[in-house]
């Protein structure tokens, strides 16, 4: 396995999924990618605000995963239909 992808909506449930993803990544040596989807069915200013908010949440989280957990981690913010 080369990449573990974990979707997050910043909920407690997502936090648990991320922890599981970290464990799988550590055991397998895979990269961990956190993904957050932003619904594009809203005004652009709201999309931009949601994108900034997600970046402010994900960037430090990924940094912590790299530093404290020793996992090769990154993040992606996708804009579109979250259910697709």
Protein backbone atom coordinates (compact mmCIF):
# COMPACT_ATOMS: atom_id res chain seq x y z
CA UNK A 1 0.00 0.00 0.00
CA UNK A 2 1.45 3.33 -1.02
CA UNK A 3 -1.19 5.86 0.03
CA UNK A 4 -3.86 5.96 2.73
CA UNK A 5 -6.59 8.53 2.07
CA UNK A 6 -8.79 9.74 4.92
CA UNK A 7 -11.71 12.10 4.34
CA UNK A 8 -12.39 14.62 7.08
CA UNK A 9 -15.23 16.97 7.90
CA UNK A 10 -13.44 17.99 11.14
CA UNK A 11 -15.85 16.00 13.30
CA UNK A 12 -14.92 13.72 16.20
CA UNK A 13 -15.73 10.77 13.97
CA UNK A 14 -13.24 12.07 11.40
CA UNK A 15 -10.61 12.46 14.10
CA UNK A 16 -10.97 8.76 14.91
CA UNK A 17 -10.65 7.89 11.23
CA UNK A 18 -7.47 9.97 11.01
CA UNK A 19 -5.99 8.14 14.00
CA UNK A 20 -6.72 4.82 12.28
CA UNK A 21 -5.16 6.16 9.10
CA UNK A 22 -2.04 7.12 11.04
CA UNK A 23 -1.76 3.61 12.46
CA UNK A 24 -2.17 2.02 9.04
CA UNK A 25 0.37 4.43 7.53
CA UNK A 26 2.91 3.71 10.25
CA UNK A 27 2.61 -0.05 9.84
CA UNK A 28 2.65 0.00 6.04
CA UNK A 29 4.98 2.94 5.45
CA UNK A 30 2.31 4.53 3.24
CA UNK A 31 1.76 8.25 2.78
CA UNK A 32 -1.29 9.62 4.60
CA UNK A 33 -3.43 12.12 2.67
CA UNK A 34 -6.20 14.00 4.46
CA UNK A 35 -8.97 15.13 2.12
CA UNK A 36 -11.65 17.73 2.79
CA UNK A 37 -14.43 18.45 0.29
CA UNK A 38 -16.13 21.81 -0.11
CA UNK A 39 -19.51 21.93 -1.82
CA UNK A 40 -19.35 24.10 -4.93
CA UNK A 41 -23.11 24.76 -4.86
CA UNK A 42 -22.75 28.06 -3.00
CA UNK A 43 -21.50 31.59 -3.66
CA UNK A 44 -17.79 31.90 -4.45
CA UNK A 45 -17.12 34.03 -1.36
CA UNK A 46 -18.40 31.18 0.85
CA UNK A 47 -16.30 28.66 -1.05
CA UNK A 48 -13.24 30.88 -0.57
CA UNK A 49 -13.95 31.27 3.16
CA UNK A 50 -14.47 27.52 3.59
CA UNK A 51 -11.24 26.84 1.69
CA UNK A 52 -9.27 29.19 3.96
CA UNK A 53 -10.84 27.70 7.08
CA UNK A 54 -10.03 24.16 5.92
CA UNK A 55 -6.44 25.14 5.15
CA UNK A 56 -6.05 26.72 8.59
CA UNK A 57 -7.29 23.48 10.15
CA UNK A 58 -5.44 20.98 7.96
CA UNK A 59 -1.98 22.57 7.69
CA UNK A 60 -1.16 22.42 11.42
CA UNK A 61 -2.76 18.99 11.72
CA UNK A 62 -0.56 17.59 8.96
CA UNK A 63 2.49 19.25 10.52
CA UNK A 64 1.70 17.54 13.83
CA UNK A 65 1.24 14.17 12.14
CA UNK A 66 4.64 14.53 10.51
CA UNK A 67 6.43 15.73 13.62
CA UNK A 68 4.84 13.75 16.43
CA UNK A 69 3.62 10.63 14.63
CA UNK A 70 6.45 10.37 12.10
CA UNK A 71 4.03 9.88 9.22
CA UNK A 72 4.53 11.23 5.71
CA UNK A 73 1.32 13.27 5.63
CA UNK A 74 -0.24 15.83 3.32
CA UNK A 75 -3.67 17.28 2.62
CA UNK A 76 -5.93 18.08 -0.30
CA UNK A 77 -8.93 20.39 -0.40
CA UNK A 78 -11.37 19.46 -3.16
CA UNK A 79 -14.11 21.73 -4.42
CA UNK A 80 -17.12 20.07 -6.03
CA UNK A 81 -19.89 17.70 -5.04
CA UNK A 82 -18.82 16.20 -1.67
CA UNK A 83 -20.88 13.08 -2.33
CA UNK A 84 -19.12 12.36 -5.61
